[in-house]
Amino acid sequence: KVTPLDRVGIYVPGGKAAYPSSVLMNAIPAHVAGVQEIIMVVP
C-alpha cells in the first residue's frame, strides 16, 4: 500500500540569490504524490 506523507517542509535558499526553480522541484513532486500540507521556509 503506497500512501503519501502527511506534511513536508521544503527549504528554499535565499539571500545572495533567489531560486524559484527550487520551489518547483521540491513542491511539485510532493503535490503530485498527494502530500496534503507543504510548508515552505525561505530566508
PDB file of all heavy atoms in Angstrom:
ATOM      1  N   LYS A   1       0.849  -1.185   0.000  1.00  0.00           N
ATOM      2  CA  LYS A   1       0.000   0.000   0.000  1.00  0.00           C
ATOM      3  C   LYS A   1       0.887   1.237   0.000  1.00  0.00           C
ATOM      4  O   LYS A   1       1.730   1.404   0.869  1.00  0.00           O
ATOM      5  CB  LYS A   1      -0.905   0.006   1.246  1.00  0.00           C
ATOM      6  CG  LYS A   1      -1.841   1.202   1.318  1.00  0.00           C
ATOM      7  CD  LYS A   1      -2.733   1.127   2.547  1.00  0.00           C
ATOM      8  CE  LYS A   1      -3.692   2.305   2.610  1.00  0.00           C
ATOM      9  NZ  LYS A   1      -4.585   2.238   3.783  1.00  0.00           N
ATOM     10  N   VAL A   2       0.713   2.073  -0.997  1.00  0.00           N
ATOM     11  CA  VAL A   2       1.512   3.293  -1.125  1.00  0.00           C
ATOM     12  C   VAL A   2       0.668   4.477  -0.674  1.00  0.00           C
ATOM     13  O   VAL A   2      -0.436   4.691  -1.181  1.00  0.00           O
ATOM     14  CB  VAL A   2       1.972   3.496  -2.577  1.00  0.00           C
ATOM     15  CG1 VAL A   2       2.752   4.800  -2.719  1.00  0.00           C
ATOM     16  CG2 VAL A   2       2.829   2.317  -3.030  1.00  0.00           C
ATOM     17  N   THR A   3       1.180   5.234   0.281  1.00  0.00           N
ATOM     18  CA  THR A   3       0.461   6.404   0.782  1.00  0.00           C
ATOM     19  C   THR A   3       1.405   7.599   0.844  1.00  0.00           C
ATOM     20  O   THR A   3       2.600   7.442   1.076  1.00  0.00           O
ATOM     21  CB  THR A   3      -0.113   6.157   2.192  1.00  0.00           C
ATOM     22  OG1 THR A   3       0.939   5.722   3.062  1.00  0.00           O
ATOM     23  CG2 THR A   3      -1.207   5.104   2.155  1.00  0.00           C
ATOM     24  N   PRO A   4       0.885   8.803   0.627  1.00  0.00           N
ATOM     25  CA  PRO A   4       1.744   9.988   0.715  1.00  0.00           C
ATOM     26  C   PRO A   4       2.048  10.351   2.162  1.00  0.00           C
ATOM     27  O   PRO A   4       1.309   9.974   3.083  1.00  0.00           O
ATOM     28  CB  PRO A   4       0.898  11.077   0.047  1.00  0.00           C
ATOM     29  CG  PRO A   4      -0.508  10.641   0.273  1.00  0.00           C
ATOM     30  CD  PRO A   4      -0.486   9.138   0.232  1.00  0.00           C
ATOM     31  N   LEU A   5       3.127  11.082   2.359  1.00  0.00           N
ATOM     32  CA  LEU A   5       3.394  11.669   3.666  1.00  0.00           C
ATOM     33  C   LEU A   5       2.303  12.702   3.961  1.00  0.00           C
ATOM     34  O   LEU A   5       1.708  13.276   3.049  1.00  0.00           O
ATOM     35  CB  LEU A   5       4.764  12.341   3.685  1.00  0.00           C
ATOM     36  CG  LEU A   5       5.968  11.476   3.271  1.00  0.00           C
ATOM     37  CD1 LEU A   5       7.265  12.261   3.442  1.00  0.00           C
ATOM     38  CD2 LEU A   5       6.015  10.184   4.051  1.00  0.00           C
ATOM     39  N   ASP A   6       2.060  12.944   5.232  1.00  0.00           N
ATOM     40  CA  ASP A   6       1.013  13.908   5.594  1.00  0.00           C
ATOM     41  C   ASP A   6       1.467  15.346   5.389  1.00  0.00           C
ATOM     42  O   ASP A   6       0.735  16.183   4.873  1.00  0.00           O
ATOM     43  CB  ASP A   6       0.614  13.722   7.067  1.00  0.00           C
ATOM     44  CG  ASP A   6      -0.136  12.431   7.300  1.00  0.00           C
ATOM     45  OD1 ASP A   6      -0.727  11.902   6.336  1.00  0.00           O
ATOM     46  OD2 ASP A   6      -0.119  11.934   8.441  1.00  0.00           O
ATOM     47  N   ARG A   7       2.717  15.645   5.821  1.00  0.00           N
ATOM     48  CA  ARG A   7       3.163  17.044   5.818  1.00  0.00           C
ATOM     49  C   ARG A   7       4.674  17.076   5.582  1.00  0.00           C
ATOM     50  O   ARG A   7       5.423  16.359   6.239  1.00  0.00           O
ATOM     51  CB  ARG A   7       2.839  17.700   7.157  1.00  0.00           C
ATOM     52  CG  ARG A   7       3.227  19.180   7.240  1.00  0.00           C
ATOM     53  CD  ARG A   7       3.035  19.707   8.653  1.00  0.00           C
ATOM     54  NE  ARG A   7       1.625  19.735   9.036  1.00  0.00           N
ATOM     55  CZ  ARG A   7       1.162  19.227  10.169  1.00  0.00           C
ATOM     56  NH1 ARG A   7       1.986  18.618  11.022  1.00  0.00           N
ATOM     57  NH2 ARG A   7      -0.125  19.312  10.459  1.00  0.00           N
ATOM     58  N   VAL A   8       5.117  17.899   4.636  1.00  0.00           N
ATOM     59  CA  VAL A   8       6.546  18.026   4.378  1.00  0.00           C
ATOM     60  C   VAL A   8       6.957  19.493   4.438  1.00  0.00           C
ATOM     61  O   VAL A   8       6.138  20.397   4.236  1.00  0.00           O
ATOM     62  CB  VAL A   8       6.947  17.432   3.005  1.00  0.00           C
ATOM     63  CG1 VAL A   8       6.587  15.962   2.920  1.00  0.00           C
ATOM     64  CG2 VAL A   8       6.323  18.215   1.855  1.00  0.00           C
ATOM     65  N   GLY A   9       8.236  19.694   4.719  1.00  0.00           N
ATOM     66  CA  GLY A   9       8.807  21.031   4.701  1.00  0.00           C
ATOM     67  C   GLY A   9       9.803  21.145   3.566  1.00  0.00           C
ATOM     68  O   GLY A   9      10.601  20.233   3.351  1.00  0.00           O
ATOM     69  N   ILE A  10       9.750  22.228   2.813  1.00  0.00           N
ATOM     70  CA  ILE A  10      10.734  22.437   1.754  1.00  0.00           C
ATOM     71  C   ILE A  10      11.548  23.685   2.083  1.00  0.00           C
ATOM     72  O   ILE A  10      11.005  24.731   2.432  1.00  0.00           O
ATOM     73  CB  ILE A  10      10.087  22.539   0.357  1.00  0.00           C
ATOM     74  CG1 ILE A  10       9.187  23.765   0.228  1.00  0.00           C
ATOM     75  CG2 ILE A  10       9.310  21.285   0.037  1.00  0.00           C
ATOM     76  CD1 ILE A  10       8.742  24.037  -1.210  1.00  0.00           C
ATOM     77  N   TYR A  11      12.858  23.537   2.010  1.00  0.00           N
ATOM     78  CA  TYR A  11      13.761  24.655   2.275  1.00  0.00           C
ATOM     79  C   TYR A  11      14.181  25.256   0.945  1.00  0.00           C
ATOM     80  O   TYR A  11      14.697  24.557   0.074  1.00  0.00           O
ATOM     81  CB  TYR A  11      14.989  24.187   3.052  1.00  0.00           C
ATOM     82  CG  TYR A  11      15.829  25.350   3.558  1.00  0.00           C
ATOM     83  CD1 TYR A  11      15.711  25.788   4.865  1.00  0.00           C
ATOM     84  CD2 TYR A  11      16.702  26.017   2.710  1.00  0.00           C
ATOM     85  CE1 TYR A  11      16.450  26.876   5.322  1.00  0.00           C
ATOM     86  CE2 TYR A  11      17.437  27.107   3.146  1.00  0.00           C
ATOM     87  CZ  TYR A  11      17.307  27.523   4.460  1.00  0.00           C
ATOM     88  OH  TYR A  11      18.035  28.610   4.907  1.00  0.00           O
ATOM     89  N   VAL A  12      13.949  26.556   0.793  1.00  0.00           N
ATOM     90  CA  VAL A  12      14.313  27.270  -0.427  1.00  0.00           C
ATOM     91  C   VAL A  12      15.386  28.290  -0.076  1.00  0.00           C
ATOM     92  O   VAL A  12      15.151  29.159   0.766  1.00  0.00           O
ATOM     93  CB  VAL A  12      13.088  27.976  -1.038  1.00  0.00           C
ATOM     94  CG1 VAL A  12      13.484  28.746  -2.290  1.00  0.00           C
ATOM     95  CG2 VAL A  12      11.994  26.961  -1.357  1.00  0.00           C
ATOM     96  N   PRO A  13      16.572  28.192  -0.684  1.00  0.00           N
ATOM     97  CA  PRO A  13      17.638  29.148  -0.351  1.00  0.00           C
ATOM     98  C   PRO A  13      17.217  30.575  -0.674  1.00  0.00           C
ATOM     99  O   PRO A  13      16.451  30.826  -1.606  1.00  0.00           O
ATOM    100  CB  PRO A  13      18.808  28.714  -1.241  1.00  0.00           C
ATOM    101  CG  PRO A  13      18.499  27.305  -1.614  1.00  0.00           C
ATOM    102  CD  PRO A  13      17.004  27.209  -1.678  1.00  0.00           C
ATOM    103  N   GLY A  14      17.730  31.511   0.095  1.00  0.00           N
ATOM    104  CA  GLY A  14      17.501  32.935  -0.137  1.00  0.00           C
ATOM    105  C   GLY A  14      18.766  33.680   0.207  1.00  0.00           C
ATOM    106  O   GLY A  14      19.781  33.084   0.560  1.00  0.00           O
ATOM    107  N   GLY A  15      18.723  34.987   0.109  1.00  0.00           N
ATOM    108  CA  GLY A  15      19.904  35.762   0.460  1.00  0.00           C
ATOM    109  C   GLY A  15      20.605  36.260  -0.788  1.00  0.00           C
ATOM    110  O   GLY A  15      20.101  37.129  -1.487  1.00  0.00           O
ATOM    111  N   LYS A  16      21.799  35.666  -1.104  1.00  0.00           N
ATOM    112  CA  LYS A  16      22.575  36.145  -2.246  1.00  0.00           C
ATOM    113  C   LYS A  16      21.827  35.972  -3.563  1.00  0.00           C
ATOM    114  O   LYS A  16      22.007  36.730  -4.507  1.00  0.00           O
ATOM    115  CB  LYS A  16      23.910  35.395  -2.326  1.00  0.00           C
ATOM    116  CG  LYS A  16      24.867  35.716  -1.187  1.00  0.00           C
ATOM    117  CD  LYS A  16      26.179  34.972  -1.370  1.00  0.00           C
ATOM    118  CE  LYS A  16      27.139  35.268  -0.231  1.00  0.00           C
ATOM    119  NZ  LYS A  16      28.416  34.528  -0.377  1.00  0.00           N
ATOM    120  N   ALA A  17      21.023  34.944  -3.653  1.00  0.00           N
ATOM    121  CA  ALA A  17      20.287  34.681  -4.891  1.00  0.00           C
ATOM    122  C   ALA A  17      18.923  34.105  -4.534  1.00  0.00           C
ATOM    123  O   ALA A  17      18.699  33.650  -3.413  1.00  0.00           O
ATOM    124  CB  ALA A  17      21.069  33.718  -5.779  1.00  0.00           C
ATOM    125  N   ALA A  18      18.007  34.158  -5.491  1.00  0.00           N
ATOM    126  CA  ALA A  18      16.673  33.601  -5.295  1.00  0.00           C
ATOM    127  C   ALA A  18      16.494  32.437  -6.253  1.00  0.00           C
ATOM    128  O   ALA A  18      16.968  32.481  -7.391  1.00  0.00           O
ATOM    129  CB  ALA A  18      15.611  34.671  -5.562  1.00  0.00           C
ATOM    130  N   TYR A  19      15.798  31.394  -5.802  1.00  0.00           N
ATOM    131  CA  TYR A  19      15.709  30.169  -6.584  1.00  0.00           C
ATOM    132  C   TYR A  19      14.264  29.685  -6.723  1.00  0.00           C
ATOM    133  O   TYR A  19      13.855  28.740  -6.058  1.00  0.00           O
ATOM    134  CB  TYR A  19      16.563  29.070  -5.953  1.00  0.00           C
ATOM    135  CG  TYR A  19      18.036  29.391  -5.954  1.00  0.00           C
ATOM    136  CD1 TYR A  19      18.650  29.899  -4.827  1.00  0.00           C
ATOM    137  CD2 TYR A  19      18.804  29.189  -7.097  1.00  0.00           C
ATOM    138  CE1 TYR A  19      20.012  30.202  -4.830  1.00  0.00           C
ATOM    139  CE2 TYR A  19      20.153  29.485  -7.117  1.00  0.00           C
ATOM    140  CZ  TYR A  19      20.759  29.993  -5.975  1.00  0.00           C
ATOM    141  OH  TYR A  19      22.092  30.290  -5.988  1.00  0.00           O
ATOM    142  N   PRO A  20      13.488  30.328  -7.615  1.00  0.00           N
ATOM    143  CA  PRO A  20      12.124  29.829  -7.854  1.00  0.00           C
ATOM    144  C   PRO A  20      12.131  28.394  -8.365  1.00  0.00           C
ATOM    145  O   PRO A  20      11.200  27.629  -8.105  1.00  0.00           O
ATOM    146  CB  PRO A  20      11.555  30.798  -8.888  1.00  0.00           C
ATOM    147  CG  PRO A  20      12.750  31.473  -9.500  1.00  0.00           C
ATOM    148  CD  PRO A  20      13.783  31.523  -8.425  1.00  0.00           C
ATOM    149  N   SER A  21      13.178  28.005  -9.102  1.00  0.00           N
ATOM    150  CA  SER A  21      13.246  26.632  -9.610  1.00  0.00           C
ATOM    151  C   SER A  21      13.291  25.618  -8.475  1.00  0.00           C
ATOM    152  O   SER A  21      12.757  24.514  -8.593  1.00  0.00           O
ATOM    153  CB  SER A  21      14.464  26.452 -10.523  1.00  0.00           C
ATOM    154  OG  SER A  21      15.668  26.776  -9.845  1.00  0.00           O
ATOM    155  N   SER A  22      13.914  25.981  -7.351  1.00  0.00           N
ATOM    156  CA  SER A  22      13.947  25.079  -6.198  1.00  0.00           C
ATOM    157  C   SER A  22      12.552  24.854  -5.624  1.00  0.00           C
ATOM    158  O   SER A  22      12.236  23.772  -5.135  1.00  0.00           O
ATOM    159  CB  SER A  22      14.867  25.631  -5.104  1.00  0.00           C
ATOM    160  OG  SER A  22      16.216  25.440  -5.450  1.00  0.00           O
ATOM    161  N   VAL A  23      11.724  25.891  -5.685  1.00  0.00           N
ATOM    162  CA  VAL A  23      10.341  25.748  -5.216  1.00  0.00           C
ATOM    163  C   VAL A  23       9.618  24.720  -6.086  1.00  0.00           C
ATOM    164  O   VAL A  23       8.977  23.790  -5.579  1.00  0.00           O
ATOM    165  CB  VAL A  23       9.592  27.092  -5.254  1.00  0.00           C
ATOM    166  CG1 VAL A  23       8.183  26.925  -4.694  1.00  0.00           C
ATOM    167  CG2 VAL A  23      10.341  28.159  -4.470  1.00  0.00           C
ATOM    168  N   LEU A  24       9.717  24.873  -7.395  1.00  0.00           N
ATOM    169  CA  LEU A  24       9.039  23.947  -8.310  1.00  0.00           C
ATOM    170  C   LEU A  24       9.510  22.517  -8.092  1.00  0.00           C
ATOM    171  O   LEU A  24       8.697  21.578  -8.025  1.00  0.00           O
ATOM    172  CB  LEU A  24       9.292  24.350  -9.764  1.00  0.00           C
ATOM    173  CG  LEU A  24       8.855  25.754 -10.211  1.00  0.00           C
ATOM    174  CD1 LEU A  24       9.127  25.915 -11.715  1.00  0.00           C
ATOM    175  CD2 LEU A  24       7.393  26.021  -9.906  1.00  0.00           C
ATOM    176  N   MET A  25      10.826  22.322  -8.008  1.00  0.00           N
ATOM    177  CA  MET A  25      11.389  20.977  -7.969  1.00  0.00           C
ATOM    178  C   MET A  25      11.115  20.251  -6.652  1.00  0.00           C
ATOM    179  O   MET A  25      11.108  19.018  -6.610  1.00  0.00           O
ATOM    180  CB  MET A  25      12.899  21.035  -8.221  1.00  0.00           C
ATOM    181  CG  MET A  25      13.267  21.543  -9.588  1.00  0.00           C
ATOM    182  SD  MET A  25      12.708  20.428 -10.913  1.00  0.00           S
ATOM    183  CE  MET A  25      13.263  21.335 -12.364  1.00  0.00           C
ATOM    184  N   ASN A  26      10.898  20.987  -5.579  1.00  0.00           N
ATOM    185  CA  ASN A  26      10.600  20.358  -4.295  1.00  0.00           C
ATOM    186  C   ASN A  26       9.102  20.242  -4.044  1.00  0.00           C
ATOM    187  O   ASN A  26       8.627  19.218  -3.555  1.00  0.00           O
ATOM    188  CB  ASN A  26      11.258  21.137  -3.157  1.00  0.00           C
ATOM    189  CG  ASN A  26      12.739  20.874  -3.043  1.00  0.00           C
ATOM    190  OD1 ASN A  26      13.177  19.976  -2.350  1.00  0.00           O
ATOM    191  ND2 ASN A  26      13.541  21.660  -3.759  1.00  0.00           N
ATOM    192  N   ALA A  27       8.343  21.285  -4.377  1.00  0.00           N
ATOM    193  CA  ALA A  27       6.918  21.285  -4.037  1.00  0.00           C
ATOM    194  C   ALA A  27       6.088  20.449  -5.010  1.00  0.00           C
ATOM    195  O   ALA A  27       5.148  19.761  -4.593  1.00  0.00           O
ATOM    196  CB  ALA A  27       6.387  22.718  -3.996  1.00  0.00           C
ATOM    197  N   ILE A  28       6.400  20.484  -6.301  1.00  0.00           N
ATOM    198  CA  ILE A  28       5.545  19.810  -7.277  1.00  0.00           C
ATOM    199  C   ILE A  28       5.535  18.297  -7.097  1.00  0.00           C
ATOM    200  O   ILE A  28       4.457  17.687  -7.069  1.00  0.00           O
ATOM    201  CB  ILE A  28       5.901  20.227  -8.714  1.00  0.00           C
ATOM    202  CG1 ILE A  28       5.436  21.672  -8.955  1.00  0.00           C
ATOM    203  CG2 ILE A  28       5.261  19.296  -9.734  1.00  0.00           C
ATOM    204  CD1 ILE A  28       5.781  22.238 -10.309  1.00  0.00           C
ATOM    205  N   PRO A  29       6.687  17.609  -6.955  1.00  0.00           N
ATOM    206  CA  PRO A  29       6.597  16.160  -6.726  1.00  0.00           C
ATOM    207  C   PRO A  29       5.877  15.808  -5.431  1.00  0.00           C
ATOM    208  O   PRO A  29       5.189  14.786  -5.362  1.00  0.00           O
ATOM    209  CB  PRO A  29       8.055  15.695  -6.704  1.00  0.00           C
ATOM    210  CG  PRO A  29       8.865  16.916  -6.529  1.00  0.00           C
ATOM    211  CD  PRO A  29       8.090  18.038  -7.121  1.00  0.00           C
ATOM    212  N   ALA A  30       6.010  16.656  -4.403  1.00  0.00           N
ATOM    213  CA  ALA A  30       5.253  16.419  -3.167  1.00  0.00           C
ATOM    214  C   ALA A  30       3.758  16.547  -3.431  1.00  0.00           C
ATOM    215  O   ALA A  30       2.951  15.733  -2.963  1.00  0.00           O
ATOM    216  CB  ALA A  30       5.692  17.409  -2.092  1.00  0.00           C
ATOM    217  N   HIS A  31       3.381  17.540  -4.200  1.00  0.00           N
ATOM    218  CA  HIS A  31       1.978  17.764  -4.537  1.00  0.00           C
ATOM    219  C   HIS A  31       1.430  16.608  -5.365  1.00  0.00           C
ATOM    220  O   HIS A  31       0.333  16.098  -5.108  1.00  0.00           O
ATOM    221  CB  HIS A  31       1.856  19.079  -5.299  1.00  0.00           C
ATOM    222  CG  HIS A  31       0.495  19.677  -5.292  1.00  0.00           C
ATOM    223  ND1 HIS A  31      -0.390  19.525  -6.331  1.00  0.00           N
ATOM    224  CD2 HIS A  31      -0.158  20.421  -4.356  1.00  0.00           C
ATOM    225  CE1 HIS A  31      -1.525  20.164  -6.059  1.00  0.00           C
ATOM    226  NE2 HIS A  31      -1.408  20.722  -4.863  1.00  0.00           N
ATOM    227  N   VAL A  32       2.214  16.172  -6.362  1.00  0.00           N
ATOM    228  CA  VAL A  32       1.797  15.047  -7.203  1.00  0.00           C
ATOM    229  C   VAL A  32       1.658  13.771  -6.374  1.00  0.00           C
ATOM    230  O   VAL A  32       0.744  12.959  -6.591  1.00  0.00           O
ATOM    231  CB  VAL A  32       2.810  14.837  -8.351  1.00  0.00           C
ATOM    232  CG1 VAL A  32       2.543  13.531  -9.088  1.00  0.00           C
ATOM    233  CG2 VAL A  32       2.745  16.006  -9.342  1.00  0.00           C
ATOM    234  N   ALA A  33       2.548  13.589  -5.400  1.00  0.00           N
ATOM    235  CA  ALA A  33       2.498  12.401  -4.544  1.00  0.00           C
ATOM    236  C   ALA A  33       1.240  12.362  -3.689  1.00  0.00           C
ATOM    237  O   ALA A  33       0.840  11.291  -3.221  1.00  0.00           O
ATOM    238  CB  ALA A  33       3.736  12.340  -3.653  1.00  0.00           C
ATOM    239  N   GLY A  34       0.629  13.525  -3.462  1.00  0.00           N
ATOM    240  CA  GLY A  34      -0.584  13.576  -2.659  1.00  0.00           C
ATOM    241  C   GLY A  34      -0.390  14.144  -1.272  1.00  0.00           C
ATOM    242  O   GLY A  34      -1.288  14.042  -0.420  1.00  0.00           O
ATOM    243  N   VAL A  35       0.762  14.760  -1.019  1.00  0.00           N
ATOM    244  CA  VAL A  35       1.016  15.388   0.285  1.00  0.00           C
ATOM    245  C   VAL A  35       0.002  16.517   0.491  1.00  0.00           C
ATOM    246  O   VAL A  35      -0.170  17.374  -0.379  1.00  0.00           O
ATOM    247  CB  VAL A  35       2.454  15.931   0.366  1.00  0.00           C
ATOM    248  CG1 VAL A  35       2.676  16.662   1.682  1.00  0.00           C
ATOM    249  CG2 VAL A  35       3.462  14.790   0.213  1.00  0.00           C
ATOM    250  N   GLN A  36      -0.649  16.501   1.636  1.00  0.00           N
ATOM    251  CA  GLN A  36      -1.720  17.471   1.885  1.00  0.00           C
ATOM    252  C   GLN A  36      -1.215  18.833   2.345  1.00  0.00           C
ATOM    253  O   GLN A  36      -1.827  19.860   2.072  1.00  0.00           O
ATOM    254  CB  GLN A  36      -2.699  16.911   2.930  1.00  0.00           C
ATOM    255  CG  GLN A  36      -3.487  15.712   2.440  1.00  0.00           C
ATOM    256  CD  GLN A  36      -4.296  16.026   1.196  1.00  0.00           C
ATOM    257  OE1 GLN A  36      -5.135  16.923   1.185  1.00  0.00           O
ATOM    258  NE2 GLN A  36      -4.022  15.289   0.115  1.00  0.00           N
ATOM    259  N   GLU A  37      -0.081  18.859   3.068  1.00  0.00           N
ATOM    260  CA  GLU A  37       0.458  20.123   3.558  1.00  0.00           C
ATOM    261  C   GLU A  37       1.926  20.251   3.166  1.00  0.00           C
ATOM    262  O   GLU A  37       2.748  19.412   3.529  1.00  0.00           O
ATOM    263  CB  GLU A  37       0.335  20.218   5.081  1.00  0.00           C
ATOM    264  CG  GLU A  37      -1.076  20.381   5.595  1.00  0.00           C
ATOM    265  CD  GLU A  37      -1.099  20.647   7.097  1.00  0.00           C
ATOM    266  OE1 GLU A  37      -0.733  21.765   7.507  1.00  0.00           O
ATOM    267  OE2 GLU A  37      -1.434  19.724   7.848  1.00  0.00           O
ATOM    268  N   ILE A  38       2.240  21.297   2.426  1.00  0.00           N
ATOM    269  CA  ILE A  38       3.600  21.590   2.009  1.00  0.00           C
ATOM    270  C   ILE A  38       3.987  22.930   2.624  1.00  0.00           C
ATOM    271  O   ILE A  38       3.438  23.975   2.265  1.00  0.00           O
ATOM    272  CB  ILE A  38       3.715  21.648   0.474  1.00  0.00           C
ATOM    273  CG1 ILE A  38       3.238  20.321  -0.145  1.00  0.00           C
ATOM    274  CG2 ILE A  38       5.142  21.964   0.049  1.00  0.00           C
ATOM    275  CD1 ILE A  38       3.088  20.380  -1.661  1.00  0.00           C
ATOM    276  N   ILE A  39       4.917  22.884   3.571  1.00  0.00           N
ATOM    277  CA  ILE A  39       5.320  24.079   4.310  1.00  0.00           C
ATOM    278  C   ILE A  39       6.649  24.570   3.748  1.00  0.00           C
ATOM    279  O   ILE A  39       7.655  23.866   3.822  1.00  0.00           O
ATOM    280  CB  ILE A  39       5.485  23.785   5.825  1.00  0.00           C
ATOM    281  CG1 ILE A  39       4.287  22.987   6.363  1.00  0.00           C
ATOM    282  CG2 ILE A  39       5.693  25.083   6.586  1.00  0.00           C
ATOM    283  CD1 ILE A  39       2.968  23.685   6.266  1.00  0.00           C
ATOM    284  N   MET A  40       6.683  25.767   3.202  1.00  0.00           N
ATOM    285  CA  MET A  40       7.906  26.331   2.637  1.00  0.00           C
ATOM    286  C   MET A  40       8.548  27.285   3.629  1.00  0.00           C
ATOM    287  O   MET A  40       7.864  28.102   4.263  1.00  0.00           O
ATOM    288  CB  MET A  40       7.597  27.079   1.340  1.00  0.00           C
ATOM    289  CG  MET A  40       8.808  27.743   0.694  1.00  0.00           C
ATOM    290  SD  MET A  40       8.407  28.663  -0.827  1.00  0.00           S
ATOM    291  CE  MET A  40       7.688  30.169  -0.136  1.00  0.00           C
ATOM    292  N   VAL A  41       9.873  27.181   3.779  1.00  0.00           N
ATOM    293  CA  VAL A  41      10.632  28.193   4.517  1.00  0.00           C
ATOM    294  C   VAL A  41      11.649  28.798   3.564  1.00  0.00           C
ATOM    295  O   VAL A  41      12.286  28.089   2.787  1.00  0.00           O
ATOM    296  CB  VAL A  41      11.326  27.611   5.770  1.00  0.00           C
ATOM    297  CG1 VAL A  41      10.300  27.190   6.802  1.00  0.00           C
ATOM    298  CG2 VAL A  41      12.242  26.443   5.431  1.00  0.00           C
ATOM    299  N   VAL A  42      11.775  30.117   3.590  1.00  0.00           N
ATOM    300  CA  VAL A  42      12.711  30.811   2.718  1.00  0.00           C
ATOM    301  C   VAL A  42      13.217  32.053   3.435  1.00  0.00           C
ATOM    302  O   VAL A  42      12.427  32.884   3.876  1.00  0.00           O
ATOM    303  CB  VAL A  42      12.053  31.193   1.370  1.00  0.00           C
ATOM    304  CG1 VAL A  42      10.774  32.010   1.562  1.00  0.00           C
ATOM    305  CG2 VAL A  42      13.031  31.945   0.478  1.00  0.00           C
ATOM    306  N   PRO A  43      14.518  32.183   3.636  1.00  0.00           N
ATOM    307  CA  PRO A  43      15.032  33.385   4.286  1.00  0.00           C
ATOM    308  C   PRO A  43      14.844  34.605   3.390  1.00  0.00           C
ATOM    309  O   PRO A  43      15.018  34.519   2.162  1.00  0.00           O
ATOM    310  CB  PRO A  43      16.511  33.074   4.503  1.00  0.00           C
ATOM    311  CG  PRO A  43      16.843  32.024   3.491  1.00  0.00           C
ATOM    312  CD  PRO A  43      15.587  31.225   3.291  1.00  0.00           C
TER     313      PRO A  43
END
